[in-house]
Amino acid sequence: MTDPLLTAQFTPCGKVKKNRDKHDDSFIFVLVDGIYVPFRVNSPKLNDYVGYDQFVLADEQEQPDEFIGFTVIDTEQGLLGTVAALDTSTANTLVELDDGRLLPLHEDFVESVDDEARILTLTLPFRL
C-alpha cells in the first residue's frame, strides 16, 4: 500500500510567518531538507521555519488567481462587483472587489463558480 503523501501534489501558499492564527488547527507543509514536513498552522514549532516556503495539498486549495475578473454576485444582495485582486497572505483568502471592499473567499460562502460565464456566486452571512 502506497502512502498518499508520497504521491501527493503540493501547492505553494506563501511563506511561513511568525504571527499566525492561534485558533487555526489546519495543516501546512514546510519543505525541510527535501522532505515535506506537516505542521499545524498554530504550532509554535513553526517559528523555527519563518521565511520558509509553505505548501498545502493541491486538492485542498483552489487556485484563487483564476477568479480575478470574475463578476461577484450574492444570492441575497445581487451584484457586488468584479474581483480586482486576491489576498492570500492569511489563512483566509480575501476577494478584493473593484471598489476596494474585501470579502472572505471561504468554501462555506461559495454557492457556485461558473468558469465559462466568469461568475462567482456567494451566499454571504452579512449585508454589505
N, C-alpha and C. Protein backbone atom coordinates (compact mmCIF):
# COMPACT_ATOMS: atom_id res chain seq x y z
N MET A 1 0.85 -1.19 0.00
CA MET A 1 0.00 0.00 0.00
C MET A 1 0.88 1.24 0.00
N THR A 2 0.56 2.19 -0.88
CA THR A 2 1.36 3.39 -1.02
C THR A 2 0.86 4.48 -0.07
N ASP A 3 1.79 5.15 0.57
CA ASP A 3 1.45 6.27 1.44
C ASP A 3 0.97 7.42 0.54
N PRO A 4 -0.26 7.95 0.78
CA PRO A 4 -0.79 9.01 -0.09
C PRO A 4 0.07 10.27 -0.10
N LEU A 5 0.81 10.54 0.98
CA LEU A 5 1.67 11.73 0.99
C LEU A 5 2.86 11.59 0.06
N LEU A 6 3.26 10.36 -0.24
CA LEU A 6 4.39 10.17 -1.15
C LEU A 6 4.01 10.54 -2.58
N THR A 7 2.76 10.43 -2.93
CA THR A 7 2.31 10.74 -4.29
C THR A 7 1.50 12.03 -4.36
N ALA A 8 1.38 12.74 -3.25
CA ALA A 8 0.57 13.96 -3.19
C ALA A 8 1.21 15.08 -4.01
N GLN A 9 0.35 15.95 -4.49
CA GLN A 9 0.79 17.16 -5.18
C GLN A 9 0.69 18.31 -4.18
N PHE A 10 1.77 19.06 -4.03
CA PHE A 10 1.80 20.16 -3.09
C PHE A 10 1.73 21.49 -3.84
N THR A 11 0.95 22.41 -3.30
CA THR A 11 0.78 23.73 -3.90
C THR A 11 1.40 24.77 -2.98
N PRO A 12 2.31 25.62 -3.50
CA PRO A 12 2.87 26.67 -2.66
C PRO A 12 1.78 27.65 -2.22
N CYS A 13 1.87 28.12 -0.98
CA CYS A 13 0.86 29.08 -0.49
C CYS A 13 1.52 30.15 0.37
N GLY A 14 2.67 30.65 -0.06
CA GLY A 14 3.33 31.74 0.64
C GLY A 14 4.47 31.28 1.51
N LYS A 15 4.84 32.14 2.42
CA LYS A 15 5.95 31.90 3.34
C LYS A 15 5.42 31.73 4.75
N VAL A 16 6.12 30.97 5.56
CA VAL A 16 5.76 30.82 6.97
C VAL A 16 5.98 32.17 7.65
N LYS A 17 4.99 32.62 8.40
CA LYS A 17 5.05 33.89 9.12
C LYS A 17 5.06 33.64 10.60
N LYS A 18 5.61 34.58 11.34
CA LYS A 18 5.68 34.43 12.79
C LYS A 18 4.32 34.56 13.46
N ASN A 19 3.54 35.54 13.07
CA ASN A 19 2.23 35.77 13.69
C ASN A 19 1.16 35.06 12.88
N ARG A 20 0.75 33.91 13.38
CA ARG A 20 -0.27 33.11 12.70
C ARG A 20 -1.52 33.04 13.57
N ASP A 21 -2.60 32.60 12.97
CA ASP A 21 -3.87 32.47 13.68
C ASP A 21 -3.74 31.37 14.73
N LYS A 22 -3.81 31.73 16.00
CA LYS A 22 -3.66 30.76 17.08
C LYS A 22 -4.81 29.77 17.14
N HIS A 23 -5.92 30.09 16.47
CA HIS A 23 -7.10 29.22 16.51
C HIS A 23 -7.19 28.31 15.29
N ASP A 24 -6.27 28.49 14.34
CA ASP A 24 -6.30 27.69 13.11
C ASP A 24 -5.53 26.40 13.35
N ASP A 25 -6.24 25.27 13.35
CA ASP A 25 -5.56 24.00 13.59
C ASP A 25 -5.42 23.17 12.31
N SER A 26 -5.52 23.84 11.14
CA SER A 26 -5.32 23.14 9.87
C SER A 26 -3.82 22.86 9.69
N PHE A 27 -3.52 22.07 8.68
CA PHE A 27 -2.13 21.68 8.43
C PHE A 27 -1.56 22.41 7.23
N ILE A 28 -0.27 22.71 7.31
CA ILE A 28 0.52 23.13 6.15
C ILE A 28 1.75 22.23 6.13
N PHE A 29 2.47 22.29 5.04
CA PHE A 29 3.70 21.51 4.89
C PHE A 29 4.84 22.47 4.62
N VAL A 30 5.99 22.20 5.22
CA VAL A 30 7.19 23.00 5.02
C VAL A 30 8.24 22.07 4.44
N LEU A 31 8.89 22.52 3.36
CA LEU A 31 9.92 21.71 2.73
C LEU A 31 11.21 21.87 3.53
N VAL A 32 11.57 20.82 4.27
CA VAL A 32 12.76 20.84 5.13
C VAL A 32 13.68 19.72 4.66
N ASP A 33 14.87 20.08 4.21
CA ASP A 33 15.86 19.10 3.73
C ASP A 33 15.26 18.14 2.71
N GLY A 34 14.44 18.68 1.78
CA GLY A 34 13.87 17.88 0.71
C GLY A 34 12.67 17.05 1.08
N ILE A 35 12.16 17.23 2.29
CA ILE A 35 11.01 16.45 2.75
C ILE A 35 9.90 17.42 3.16
N TYR A 36 8.66 17.13 2.72
CA TYR A 36 7.51 17.94 3.12
C TYR A 36 7.11 17.52 4.53
N VAL A 37 7.32 18.42 5.49
CA VAL A 37 7.04 18.14 6.89
C VAL A 37 5.72 18.82 7.27
N PRO A 38 4.74 18.05 7.79
CA PRO A 38 3.46 18.65 8.17
C PRO A 38 3.55 19.36 9.53
N PHE A 39 2.87 20.50 9.61
CA PHE A 39 2.75 21.25 10.86
C PHE A 39 1.32 21.77 10.96
N ARG A 40 0.81 21.86 12.17
CA ARG A 40 -0.44 22.59 12.37
C ARG A 40 -0.09 24.07 12.27
N VAL A 41 -0.98 24.85 11.67
CA VAL A 41 -0.74 26.28 11.49
C VAL A 41 -0.47 26.96 12.82
N ASN A 42 -1.12 26.51 13.89
CA ASN A 42 -0.95 27.16 15.19
C ASN A 42 0.20 26.58 16.02
N SER A 43 1.04 25.73 15.43
CA SER A 43 2.15 25.13 16.16
C SER A 43 3.28 26.13 16.41
N PRO A 44 3.72 26.28 17.66
CA PRO A 44 4.85 27.16 17.94
C PRO A 44 6.15 26.66 17.29
N LYS A 45 6.22 25.38 16.95
CA LYS A 45 7.41 24.83 16.30
C LYS A 45 7.63 25.44 14.92
N LEU A 46 6.57 25.98 14.32
CA LEU A 46 6.70 26.62 13.01
C LEU A 46 7.57 27.87 13.07
N ASN A 47 7.72 28.47 14.26
CA ASN A 47 8.55 29.66 14.38
C ASN A 47 9.99 29.39 13.96
N ASP A 48 10.43 28.15 14.03
CA ASP A 48 11.78 27.80 13.59
C ASP A 48 11.92 27.87 12.07
N TYR A 49 10.79 27.96 11.36
CA TYR A 49 10.81 27.92 9.89
C TYR A 49 10.22 29.19 9.27
N VAL A 50 10.21 30.29 10.02
CA VAL A 50 9.72 31.56 9.49
C VAL A 50 10.55 31.92 8.25
N GLY A 51 9.84 32.28 7.18
CA GLY A 51 10.50 32.63 5.93
C GLY A 51 10.63 31.48 4.95
N TYR A 52 10.44 30.25 5.43
CA TYR A 52 10.46 29.09 4.54
C TYR A 52 9.19 29.09 3.70
N ASP A 53 9.27 28.46 2.52
CA ASP A 53 8.07 28.27 1.71
C ASP A 53 7.14 27.30 2.40
N GLN A 54 5.83 27.60 2.35
CA GLN A 54 4.84 26.69 2.91
C GLN A 54 3.94 26.18 1.79
N PHE A 55 3.38 24.99 1.99
CA PHE A 55 2.60 24.33 0.96
C PHE A 55 1.34 23.73 1.59
N VAL A 56 0.33 23.52 0.75
CA VAL A 56 -0.85 22.75 1.13
C VAL A 56 -0.99 21.65 0.09
N LEU A 57 -1.76 20.64 0.42
CA LEU A 57 -2.05 19.61 -0.57
C LEU A 57 -2.83 20.26 -1.70
N ALA A 58 -2.49 19.94 -2.92
CA ALA A 58 -3.07 20.60 -4.09
C ALA A 58 -4.58 20.55 -4.11
N ASP A 59 -5.17 19.45 -3.66
CA ASP A 59 -6.63 19.35 -3.70
C ASP A 59 -7.30 20.09 -2.56
N GLU A 60 -6.55 20.67 -1.64
CA GLU A 60 -7.13 21.40 -0.52
C GLU A 60 -7.28 22.88 -0.80
N GLN A 61 -6.68 23.34 -1.88
CA GLN A 61 -6.73 24.77 -2.15
C GLN A 61 -7.00 25.00 -3.63
N GLU A 62 -8.06 25.74 -3.93
CA GLU A 62 -8.31 26.11 -5.30
C GLU A 62 -7.26 27.14 -5.70
N GLN A 63 -7.06 27.31 -6.97
CA GLN A 63 -6.14 28.32 -7.46
C GLN A 63 -6.89 29.64 -7.57
N PRO A 64 -6.85 30.48 -6.54
CA PRO A 64 -7.71 31.66 -6.49
C PRO A 64 -7.42 32.72 -7.54
N ASP A 65 -6.20 32.76 -8.12
CA ASP A 65 -5.91 33.77 -9.13
C ASP A 65 -6.85 33.66 -10.31
N GLU A 66 -7.42 32.49 -10.52
CA GLU A 66 -8.34 32.31 -11.64
C GLU A 66 -9.61 33.13 -11.46
N PHE A 67 -9.88 33.64 -10.26
CA PHE A 67 -11.10 34.40 -10.01
C PHE A 67 -10.96 35.88 -10.35
N ILE A 68 -9.76 36.36 -10.62
CA ILE A 68 -9.58 37.77 -10.97
C ILE A 68 -10.35 38.05 -12.26
N GLY A 69 -11.18 39.09 -12.21
CA GLY A 69 -12.01 39.45 -13.34
C GLY A 69 -13.40 38.84 -13.30
N PHE A 70 -13.65 37.93 -12.35
CA PHE A 70 -14.98 37.33 -12.23
C PHE A 70 -15.97 38.36 -11.67
N THR A 71 -17.20 38.27 -12.11
CA THR A 71 -18.29 39.05 -11.54
C THR A 71 -18.73 38.33 -10.26
N VAL A 72 -18.92 39.10 -9.19
CA VAL A 72 -19.33 38.51 -7.91
C VAL A 72 -20.78 38.87 -7.63
N ILE A 73 -21.58 37.84 -7.39
CA ILE A 73 -22.99 38.00 -7.10
C ILE A 73 -23.28 37.34 -5.76
N ASP A 74 -24.04 38.02 -4.92
CA ASP A 74 -24.52 37.42 -3.67
C ASP A 74 -25.96 36.98 -3.91
N THR A 75 -26.31 35.80 -3.38
CA THR A 75 -27.65 35.26 -3.61
C THR A 75 -28.76 36.14 -3.05
N GLU A 76 -28.48 36.94 -2.04
CA GLU A 76 -29.48 37.81 -1.43
C GLU A 76 -29.35 39.26 -1.89
N GLN A 77 -28.11 39.73 -2.07
CA GLN A 77 -27.86 41.14 -2.33
C GLN A 77 -27.66 41.48 -3.80
N GLY A 78 -27.52 40.47 -4.64
CA GLY A 78 -27.32 40.71 -6.06
C GLY A 78 -25.88 41.01 -6.41
N LEU A 79 -25.69 41.83 -7.44
CA LEU A 79 -24.36 42.16 -7.96
C LEU A 79 -23.54 42.91 -6.91
N LEU A 80 -22.33 42.41 -6.63
CA LEU A 80 -21.45 43.07 -5.66
C LEU A 80 -20.30 43.78 -6.34
N GLY A 81 -19.87 43.31 -7.50
CA GLY A 81 -18.76 43.93 -8.21
C GLY A 81 -17.94 42.90 -8.96
N THR A 82 -16.71 43.28 -9.27
CA THR A 82 -15.79 42.43 -10.02
C THR A 82 -14.55 42.19 -9.16
N VAL A 83 -14.02 40.97 -9.22
CA VAL A 83 -12.81 40.63 -8.46
C VAL A 83 -11.63 41.36 -9.09
N ALA A 84 -11.01 42.26 -8.31
CA ALA A 84 -9.84 43.02 -8.78
C ALA A 84 -8.54 42.37 -8.33
N ALA A 85 -8.58 41.73 -7.15
CA ALA A 85 -7.37 41.11 -6.60
C ALA A 85 -7.76 40.10 -5.54
N LEU A 86 -6.79 39.29 -5.16
CA LEU A 86 -6.99 38.34 -4.08
C LEU A 86 -5.86 38.49 -3.08
N ASP A 87 -6.21 38.40 -1.82
CA ASP A 87 -5.22 38.46 -0.75
C ASP A 87 -5.12 37.08 -0.13
N THR A 88 -4.00 36.40 -0.39
CA THR A 88 -3.79 35.05 0.15
C THR A 88 -2.71 35.05 1.23
N SER A 89 -2.46 36.22 1.81
CA SER A 89 -1.39 36.32 2.80
C SER A 89 -1.78 35.77 4.17
N THR A 90 -3.06 35.48 4.36
CA THR A 90 -3.50 34.92 5.63
C THR A 90 -4.15 33.55 5.38
N ALA A 91 -4.56 32.90 6.43
CA ALA A 91 -5.19 31.60 6.29
C ALA A 91 -6.51 31.69 5.53
N ASN A 92 -7.16 32.84 5.58
CA ASN A 92 -8.42 33.06 4.88
C ASN A 92 -8.19 33.95 3.67
N THR A 93 -8.42 33.43 2.49
CA THR A 93 -8.28 34.21 1.27
C THR A 93 -9.37 35.26 1.22
N LEU A 94 -8.99 36.49 0.85
CA LEU A 94 -9.94 37.59 0.73
C LEU A 94 -10.03 38.01 -0.73
N VAL A 95 -11.25 38.25 -1.18
CA VAL A 95 -11.50 38.80 -2.51
C VAL A 95 -11.57 40.31 -2.37
N GLU A 96 -10.80 41.02 -3.18
CA GLU A 96 -10.91 42.48 -3.21
C GLU A 96 -11.72 42.84 -4.45
N LEU A 97 -12.85 43.50 -4.21
CA LEU A 97 -13.69 43.94 -5.32
C LEU A 97 -13.12 45.20 -5.95
N ASP A 98 -13.61 45.52 -7.13
CA ASP A 98 -13.12 46.69 -7.85
C ASP A 98 -13.36 48.00 -7.10
N ASP A 99 -14.27 48.03 -6.13
CA ASP A 99 -14.49 49.25 -5.33
C ASP A 99 -13.70 49.23 -4.02
N GLY A 100 -12.84 48.22 -3.83
CA GLY A 100 -11.98 48.15 -2.65
C GLY A 100 -12.53 47.34 -1.50
N ARG A 101 -13.80 46.95 -1.55
CA ARG A 101 -14.35 46.13 -0.47
C ARG A 101 -13.71 44.76 -0.47
N LEU A 102 -13.55 44.19 0.73
CA LEU A 102 -12.96 42.87 0.89
C LEU A 102 -14.03 41.88 1.33
N LEU A 103 -13.99 40.70 0.72
CA LEU A 103 -14.94 39.63 1.06
C LEU A 103 -14.16 38.35 1.33
N PRO A 104 -14.60 37.55 2.28
CA PRO A 104 -13.92 36.28 2.52
C PRO A 104 -14.26 35.28 1.41
N LEU A 105 -13.24 34.63 0.87
CA LEU A 105 -13.47 33.59 -0.13
C LEU A 105 -13.35 32.26 0.60
N HIS A 106 -14.40 31.93 1.30
CA HIS A 106 -14.42 30.71 2.10
C HIS A 106 -15.37 29.73 1.47
N GLU A 107 -15.01 28.44 1.47
CA GLU A 107 -15.84 27.42 0.82
C GLU A 107 -17.27 27.40 1.34
N ASP A 108 -17.50 27.79 2.59
CA ASP A 108 -18.86 27.81 3.13
C ASP A 108 -19.73 28.88 2.48
N PHE A 109 -19.10 29.91 1.89
CA PHE A 109 -19.84 31.02 1.30
C PHE A 109 -19.98 30.90 -0.21
N VAL A 110 -19.19 30.01 -0.83
CA VAL A 110 -19.23 29.87 -2.29
C VAL A 110 -20.41 28.99 -2.68
N GLU A 111 -21.36 29.61 -3.37
CA GLU A 111 -22.56 28.90 -3.82
C GLU A 111 -22.27 28.18 -5.13
N SER A 112 -21.62 28.90 -6.07
CA SER A 112 -21.26 28.29 -7.35
C SER A 112 -20.19 29.11 -8.04
N VAL A 113 -19.49 28.44 -8.96
CA VAL A 113 -18.48 29.08 -9.79
C VAL A 113 -18.79 28.69 -11.23
N ASP A 114 -19.06 29.69 -12.05
CA ASP A 114 -19.31 29.45 -13.47
C ASP A 114 -18.09 29.96 -14.23
N ASP A 115 -17.19 29.02 -14.56
CA ASP A 115 -15.95 29.40 -15.24
C ASP A 115 -16.21 29.98 -16.63
N GLU A 116 -17.19 29.43 -17.31
CA GLU A 116 -17.48 29.89 -18.67
C GLU A 116 -18.00 31.32 -18.67
N ALA A 117 -18.95 31.62 -17.80
CA ALA A 117 -19.52 32.96 -17.72
C ALA A 117 -18.70 33.89 -16.82
N ARG A 118 -17.72 33.32 -16.12
CA ARG A 118 -16.84 34.06 -15.19
C ARG A 118 -17.67 34.76 -14.10
N ILE A 119 -18.51 33.95 -13.45
CA ILE A 119 -19.36 34.46 -12.36
C ILE A 119 -19.10 33.64 -11.10
N LEU A 120 -18.84 34.35 -10.00
CA LEU A 120 -18.65 33.74 -8.68
C LEU A 120 -19.88 34.12 -7.85
N THR A 121 -20.66 33.12 -7.49
CA THR A 121 -21.88 33.37 -6.71
C THR A 121 -21.63 32.98 -5.26
N LEU A 122 -21.87 33.92 -4.36
CA LEU A 122 -21.65 33.71 -2.93
C LEU A 122 -22.97 33.82 -2.18
N THR A 123 -23.00 33.21 -1.01
CA THR A 123 -24.08 33.44 -0.06
C THR A 123 -23.39 33.92 1.21
N LEU A 124 -23.36 35.25 1.37
CA LEU A 124 -22.66 35.84 2.50
C LEU A 124 -23.56 35.89 3.73
N PRO A 125 -22.97 35.69 4.91
CA PRO A 125 -23.75 35.72 6.14
C PRO A 125 -23.94 37.14 6.69
N PHE A 126 -23.62 38.14 5.87
CA PHE A 126 -23.74 39.54 6.30
C PHE A 126 -24.13 40.40 5.10
N ARG A 127 -24.63 41.60 5.40
CA ARG A 127 -25.01 42.55 4.36
C ARG A 127 -23.89 43.54 4.14
N LEU A 128 -23.73 43.92 2.91
CA LEU A 128 -22.72 44.95 2.56
C LEU A 128 -23.38 46.30 2.42
